[in-house]
Amino acid sequence: MITVTFYKDEQLVLGVKTNRGILDTEAASTRFPYIKDIPKTVLELITGGERAKQGLKRLVENSQMDDALFLKEDSLNYGPCVPEPPKIICIGLNYKKHAIECNMPFPQVPIVFSKFNNTINAHGKEVLIPSTSSEVDYEAELAIVIGQRAKNIKTEAALSIVYGYCATNDVSARDLQNKTSQWLLGKSCDGFCPIGPNLVSKEEVENPNNLTITLSVNGEIRQDSNSSDMIFNCGELVSYVSQHITLQPGDIILTGTPEGVILGYPEDKKVWLKDGDVVTIEIEKLGKLTNTFRRKQNNGTVQGDVMEVSGTI
């Protein structure tokens, strides 16, 4: 199942991606009030398990004869595919070629850091470049969305507690990130974690450890890799994090970025993201994520254009 969220009358609504467009579940559930077990939010969908997904499937089937219930994707004002994750857990330096381009050794254990919820952003929304930074970078990443509460789960069972996956951009202000040994400041500026637009349940993704990932800036390919280049795969990451932190439904784990980030370029080739840059991330099976980069000025005004993040279904 592929779901999205979108704004309708200033309220966030759950939508289901179908061949006919995006089903407006709010409108459809009003049209068919006798259909039970329909989740109204992403968290209800995640925690509702198979029963919630079956409720949505019945809603889609009953809605087929009513064109008005299906919306065109390009007409939507998207929200984050996971609007309020309890935790945003990030993994650093988790691709072999990325570690090599940064002249750093492969980590012996996953490098874990975090972002805050103020970073959550959505498809089509602006990403503001802070006035305090001049070195903003992109990072295309596969995100794991946790489906069940888990602690001390073994690697071989770890993917069983996953709900699904989405595309994300771990936007990073490198000058702020590298001010100290703690990366948090450069990772947690407002809007620095666009996710979505699609939340793809795990049965749609046969092997998350073998997905093509690309990123382009203004049409120029910058990152072109595959999740098979991870040092620690998805199951290993979920297991490792659960040894230390209890995972909850709706938590997201950003699994690291491949080679090709601006930070890895030679000094004379580094051109940091600026007003007008359009960034497109494509992750196999996970859809497209598009954002606009704006330069935030000291007086609070904004100028600039767009950054786009995109994926392939």
Protein backbone atom coordinates (compact mmCIF):
# COMPACT_ATOMS: atom_id res chain seq x y z
CA MET A 1 0.00 0.00 0.00
CA ILE A 2 1.18 3.50 -0.86
CA THR A 3 -0.22 6.39 1.16
CA VAL A 4 0.27 10.16 1.27
CA THR A 5 -1.00 13.03 3.35
CA PHE A 6 -2.35 16.28 1.95
CA TYR A 7 -3.96 19.47 3.21
CA LYS A 8 -7.70 19.92 2.76
CA ASP A 9 -9.38 22.93 4.34
CA GLU A 10 -6.15 23.40 6.34
CA GLN A 11 -6.49 19.91 7.82
CA LEU A 12 -4.10 17.03 7.09
CA VAL A 13 -5.90 14.17 5.30
CA LEU A 14 -4.76 10.61 4.58
CA GLY A 15 -4.75 9.59 0.91
CA VAL A 16 -4.19 6.26 -0.85
CA LYS A 17 -2.28 6.12 -4.12
CA THR A 18 -4.17 4.17 -6.81
CA ASN A 19 -4.12 3.82 -10.58
CA ARG A 20 -6.95 6.37 -10.70
CA GLY A 21 -5.21 8.95 -8.56
CA ILE A 22 -5.11 9.67 -4.84
CA LEU A 23 -8.19 8.49 -2.94
CA ASP A 24 -9.44 11.13 -0.51
CA THR A 25 -10.10 8.82 2.43
CA GLU A 26 -11.97 11.48 4.40
CA ALA A 27 -14.46 12.07 1.60
CA ALA A 28 -14.71 8.35 0.81
CA SER A 29 -15.33 7.33 4.42
CA THR A 30 -18.15 9.89 4.58
CA ARG A 31 -19.58 8.44 1.37
CA PHE A 32 -19.33 4.87 2.70
CA PRO A 33 -19.85 5.12 6.49
CA TYR A 34 -20.57 1.39 6.81
CA ILE A 35 -16.96 0.43 5.97
CA LYS A 36 -15.15 -0.28 9.21
CA ASP A 37 -11.54 -0.07 10.38
CA ILE A 38 -10.61 2.96 8.28
CA PRO A 39 -7.63 4.82 9.77
CA LYS A 40 -7.89 8.60 9.78
CA THR A 41 -4.21 9.32 10.38
CA VAL A 42 -0.85 7.86 9.45
CA LEU A 43 -0.26 6.74 13.03
CA GLU A 44 -3.63 4.95 13.09
CA LEU A 45 -2.63 3.23 9.84
CA ILE A 46 0.76 2.17 11.19
CA THR A 47 -0.54 0.93 14.54
CA GLY A 48 -3.65 -0.64 12.99
CA GLY A 49 -1.58 -3.21 11.14
CA GLU A 50 -3.21 -5.45 8.54
CA ARG A 51 -6.72 -4.62 9.72
CA ALA A 52 -6.23 -0.92 8.95
CA LYS A 53 -4.74 -1.67 5.53
CA GLN A 54 -7.64 -3.99 4.70
CA GLY A 55 -10.07 -1.24 5.72
CA LEU A 56 -8.40 1.14 3.27
CA LYS A 57 -8.43 -1.50 0.54
CA ARG A 58 -12.19 -1.98 0.98
CA LEU A 59 -12.62 1.78 0.84
CA VAL A 60 -10.67 1.95 -2.45
CA GLU A 61 -12.75 -0.90 -3.95
CA ASN A 62 -16.06 0.72 -3.01
CA SER A 63 -14.97 4.11 -4.35
CA GLN A 64 -14.19 2.98 -7.89
CA MET A 65 -17.45 4.27 -9.38
CA ASP A 66 -17.11 7.79 -7.95
CA ASP A 67 -14.53 9.86 -9.85
CA ALA A 68 -14.92 12.78 -7.45
CA LEU A 69 -13.23 10.79 -4.67
CA PHE A 70 -9.95 10.52 -6.60
CA LEU A 71 -7.58 13.49 -6.85
CA LYS A 72 -4.74 14.18 -9.27
CA GLU A 73 -1.34 13.95 -7.62
CA ASP A 74 -0.15 17.25 -9.06
CA SER A 75 -3.19 19.03 -7.60
CA LEU A 76 -2.39 18.17 -3.98
CA ASN A 77 -0.86 20.32 -1.29
CA TYR A 78 1.20 17.55 0.28
CA GLY A 79 2.00 17.05 3.94
CA PRO A 80 4.79 14.86 5.33
CA CYS A 81 4.13 11.16 4.71
CA VAL A 82 4.83 10.63 8.45
CA PRO A 83 3.68 13.92 9.98
CA GLU A 84 4.82 13.54 13.59
CA PRO A 85 7.44 10.81 14.04
CA PRO A 86 8.12 10.19 17.74
CA LYS A 87 11.85 9.94 16.96
CA ILE A 88 14.03 10.81 13.97
CA ILE A 89 17.08 8.57 14.21
CA CYS A 90 19.89 9.14 11.71
CA ILE A 91 22.83 7.00 10.68
CA GLY A 92 26.06 8.63 9.55
CA LEU A 93 28.75 7.42 7.16
CA ASN A 94 26.86 4.23 6.23
CA TYR A 95 27.82 3.89 2.55
CA LYS A 96 31.20 2.52 1.60
CA LYS A 97 31.88 4.90 -1.26
CA HIS A 98 30.65 7.86 0.81
CA ALA A 99 33.15 7.00 3.56
CA ILE A 100 35.88 6.75 0.92
CA GLU A 101 35.03 10.15 -0.61
CA CYS A 102 35.19 11.68 2.88
CA ASN A 103 38.58 10.02 3.52
CA MET A 104 37.21 8.33 6.61
CA PRO A 105 37.48 4.69 7.73
CA PHE A 106 34.43 2.45 7.67
CA PRO A 107 32.75 2.66 11.09
CA GLN A 108 32.90 -0.46 13.25
CA VAL A 109 29.38 0.18 14.56
CA PRO A 110 26.63 2.45 13.20
CA ILE A 111 27.13 6.16 13.88
CA VAL A 112 23.86 7.32 15.44
CA PHE A 113 22.65 10.90 15.74
CA SER A 114 19.26 12.60 15.60
CA LYS A 115 17.15 15.34 14.15
CA PHE A 116 14.23 17.07 15.87
CA ASN A 117 10.62 17.25 14.69
CA ASN A 118 11.07 20.88 13.61
CA THR A 119 13.01 19.47 10.64
CA ILE A 120 10.07 17.51 9.21
CA ASN A 121 9.10 18.90 5.82
CA ALA A 122 6.96 17.79 2.90
CA HIS A 123 6.90 17.36 -0.85
CA GLY A 124 6.53 20.70 -2.63
CA LYS A 125 7.42 22.79 0.40
CA GLU A 126 10.25 25.27 0.80
CA VAL A 127 13.51 24.43 2.54
CA LEU A 128 15.01 27.59 4.02
CA ILE A 129 18.75 28.08 3.92
CA PRO A 130 19.57 29.64 7.31
CA SER A 131 21.19 33.06 7.34
CA THR A 132 23.77 31.54 9.72
CA SER A 133 25.01 29.02 7.12
CA SER A 134 26.74 29.27 3.75
CA GLU A 135 27.43 25.54 3.30
CA VAL A 136 24.11 23.72 2.90
CA ASP A 137 24.37 20.22 1.42
CA TYR A 138 21.96 17.52 0.21
CA GLU A 139 21.85 13.86 1.28
CA ALA A 140 19.52 11.43 -0.50
CA GLU A 141 18.48 8.73 1.96
CA LEU A 142 16.22 5.73 2.32
CA ALA A 143 14.13 6.08 5.49
CA ILE A 144 12.76 3.14 7.48
CA VAL A 145 9.40 3.69 9.19
CA ILE A 146 8.89 1.56 12.30
CA GLY A 147 5.57 -0.25 12.66
CA GLN A 148 5.73 -1.91 16.09
CA ARG A 149 7.23 -1.27 19.50
CA ALA A 150 10.53 -3.12 19.68
CA LYS A 151 13.46 -3.52 22.04
CA ASN A 152 16.51 -5.78 21.63
CA ILE A 153 15.24 -7.28 18.39
CA LYS A 154 17.57 -9.64 16.52
CA THR A 155 18.84 -8.73 13.06
CA GLU A 156 17.09 -11.64 11.36
CA ALA A 157 13.73 -10.51 12.78
CA ALA A 158 14.26 -6.76 12.57
CA LEU A 159 12.42 -6.07 9.31
CA SER A 160 9.32 -7.78 10.70
CA ILE A 161 8.68 -4.74 12.91
CA VAL A 162 9.05 -2.27 10.03
CA TYR A 163 5.89 -0.68 8.56
CA GLY A 164 7.48 0.63 5.40
CA TYR A 165 9.84 3.04 3.71
CA CYS A 166 10.01 6.53 2.23
CA ALA A 167 12.45 8.86 0.49
CA THR A 168 14.06 11.62 2.48
CA ASN A 169 16.75 14.28 2.32
CA ASP A 170 19.02 14.68 5.32
CA VAL A 171 19.71 18.34 4.55
CA SER A 172 22.90 19.41 6.31
CA ALA A 173 24.50 22.77 7.04
CA ARG A 174 28.10 21.58 6.97
CA ASP A 175 29.62 24.71 8.53
CA LEU A 176 27.25 24.41 11.50
CA GLN A 177 27.65 20.62 11.63
CA ASN A 178 31.42 20.84 11.88
CA LYS A 179 31.61 23.66 14.42
CA THR A 180 31.84 21.04 17.16
CA SER A 181 32.13 17.26 17.45
CA GLN A 182 28.33 17.09 17.83
CA TRP A 183 26.50 17.18 14.48
CA LEU A 184 23.05 18.13 15.79
CA LEU A 185 23.09 21.87 15.04
CA GLY A 186 23.88 21.44 11.36
CA LYS A 187 21.32 18.68 10.98
CA SER A 188 18.34 20.16 12.83
CA CYS A 189 17.63 23.53 11.23
CA ASP A 190 13.95 24.11 10.47
CA GLY A 191 12.67 22.08 7.53
CA PHE A 192 15.89 20.10 7.11
CA CYS A 193 14.16 16.70 6.81
CA PRO A 194 11.80 16.57 3.82
CA ILE A 195 10.13 13.14 3.61
CA GLY A 196 7.73 11.52 1.18
CA PRO A 197 5.57 12.18 -0.60
CA ASN A 198 4.82 8.45 -0.49
CA LEU A 199 4.85 6.12 2.50
CA VAL A 200 5.28 2.67 0.96
CA SER A 201 4.39 -0.35 3.10
CA LYS A 202 7.01 -3.08 3.28
CA GLU A 203 5.15 -5.63 1.14
CA GLU A 204 5.65 -3.25 -1.80
CA VAL A 205 9.44 -3.30 -1.33
CA GLU A 206 10.86 -6.78 -1.85
CA ASN A 207 14.37 -5.95 -0.69
CA PRO A 208 15.17 -2.56 0.88
CA ASN A 209 18.86 -3.47 0.72
CA ASN A 210 18.84 -3.34 -3.08
CA LEU A 211 17.21 -0.09 -4.19
CA THR A 212 18.56 2.38 -6.74
CA ILE A 213 19.15 5.86 -5.32
CA THR A 214 19.94 8.92 -7.44
CA LEU A 215 20.02 12.65 -6.84
CA SER A 216 20.36 15.50 -9.32
CA VAL A 217 20.80 19.23 -8.89
CA ASN A 218 19.26 21.29 -11.69
CA GLY A 219 19.23 18.16 -13.84
CA GLU A 220 22.86 17.22 -13.17
CA ILE A 221 23.28 13.80 -11.54
CA ARG A 222 25.24 14.12 -8.30
CA GLN A 223 24.42 10.88 -6.46
CA ASP A 224 23.95 7.56 -8.27
CA SER A 225 24.11 4.50 -6.06
CA ASN A 226 22.25 1.57 -4.55
CA SER A 227 21.33 0.70 -0.97
CA SER A 228 23.40 -2.47 -1.42
CA ASP A 229 26.45 -0.23 -0.79
CA MET A 230 25.40 0.23 2.84
CA ILE A 231 27.97 -0.79 5.44
CA PHE A 232 25.15 -1.80 7.81
CA ASN A 233 21.96 -2.97 6.07
CA CYS A 234 18.41 -2.10 7.10
CA GLY A 235 17.92 -5.11 9.38
CA GLU A 236 21.24 -4.53 11.10
CA LEU A 237 20.41 -0.87 11.70
CA VAL A 238 16.98 -1.56 13.17
CA SER A 239 18.46 -4.25 15.42
CA TYR A 240 21.37 -2.10 16.55
CA VAL A 241 19.24 0.93 17.40
CA SER A 242 16.78 -1.28 19.30
CA GLN A 243 19.58 -2.54 21.54
CA HIS A 244 19.89 0.98 22.93
CA ILE A 245 16.60 2.76 22.25
CA THR A 246 13.08 1.40 22.41
CA LEU A 247 11.56 1.83 18.97
CA GLN A 248 7.96 3.02 18.68
CA PRO A 249 5.43 2.99 15.81
CA GLY A 250 6.06 5.97 13.58
CA ASP A 251 9.76 6.34 14.43
CA ILE A 252 11.88 6.87 11.35
CA ILE A 253 15.46 5.77 10.79
CA LEU A 254 17.43 7.60 8.11
CA THR A 255 19.87 5.01 6.80
CA GLY A 256 22.69 7.20 5.51
CA THR A 257 23.60 8.73 2.17
CA PRO A 258 25.63 7.48 -0.80
CA GLU A 259 28.66 9.17 -2.33
CA GLY A 260 28.31 12.39 -4.29
CA VAL A 261 27.51 14.94 -1.57
CA ILE A 262 29.03 18.40 -1.90
CA LEU A 263 31.15 17.78 1.20
CA GLY A 264 33.04 15.06 -0.68
CA TYR A 265 33.97 17.29 -3.63
CA PRO A 266 37.48 18.76 -3.98
CA GLU A 267 37.69 22.22 -2.40
CA ASP A 268 37.83 23.99 -5.76
CA LYS A 269 34.68 22.12 -6.93
CA LYS A 270 32.46 22.72 -3.91
CA VAL A 271 29.40 24.82 -4.80
CA TRP A 272 26.93 24.72 -1.92
CA LEU A 273 23.16 24.75 -2.41
CA LYS A 274 21.83 28.19 -3.18
CA ASP A 275 18.67 30.04 -4.13
CA GLY A 276 17.15 28.50 -7.22
CA ASP A 277 18.65 25.02 -6.99
CA VAL A 278 16.28 22.18 -7.88
CA VAL A 279 17.27 18.86 -6.31
CA THR A 280 15.67 15.61 -7.40
CA ILE A 281 16.09 12.40 -5.40
CA GLU A 282 14.92 9.14 -6.95
CA ILE A 283 14.68 6.01 -4.84
CA GLU A 284 13.39 2.93 -6.57
CA LYS A 285 9.77 2.13 -5.63
CA LEU A 286 9.41 5.10 -3.26
CA GLY A 287 8.19 8.01 -5.39
CA LYS A 288 9.20 11.65 -5.76
CA LEU A 289 9.93 14.31 -3.20
CA THR A 290 10.24 17.94 -4.37
CA ASN A 291 11.18 21.00 -2.29
CA THR A 292 12.06 24.64 -2.90
CA PHE A 293 15.23 26.11 -1.43
CA ARG A 294 14.95 29.70 -0.23
CA ARG A 295 17.69 31.86 1.25
CA LYS A 296 16.60 33.20 4.63
CA GLN A 297 17.85 36.71 5.21
CA ASN A 298 18.78 38.32 8.54
CA ASN A 299 15.63 40.46 8.40
CA GLY A 300 13.49 37.33 8.16
CA THR A 301 12.62 37.75 4.48
CA VAL A 302 13.15 34.97 1.99
CA GLN A 303 14.47 34.95 -1.53
CA GLY A 304 15.28 32.13 -3.94
CA ASP A 305 13.90 29.17 -5.86
CA VAL A 306 13.41 25.36 -5.59
CA MET A 307 15.03 22.15 -4.42
CA GLU A 308 13.40 18.92 -5.59
CA VAL A 309 13.70 15.40 -4.21
CA SER A 310 12.25 12.63 -6.30
CA GLY A 311 11.85 8.82 -6.46
CA THR A 312 10.72 6.15 -8.90
CA ILE A 313 7.58 4.04 -8.55
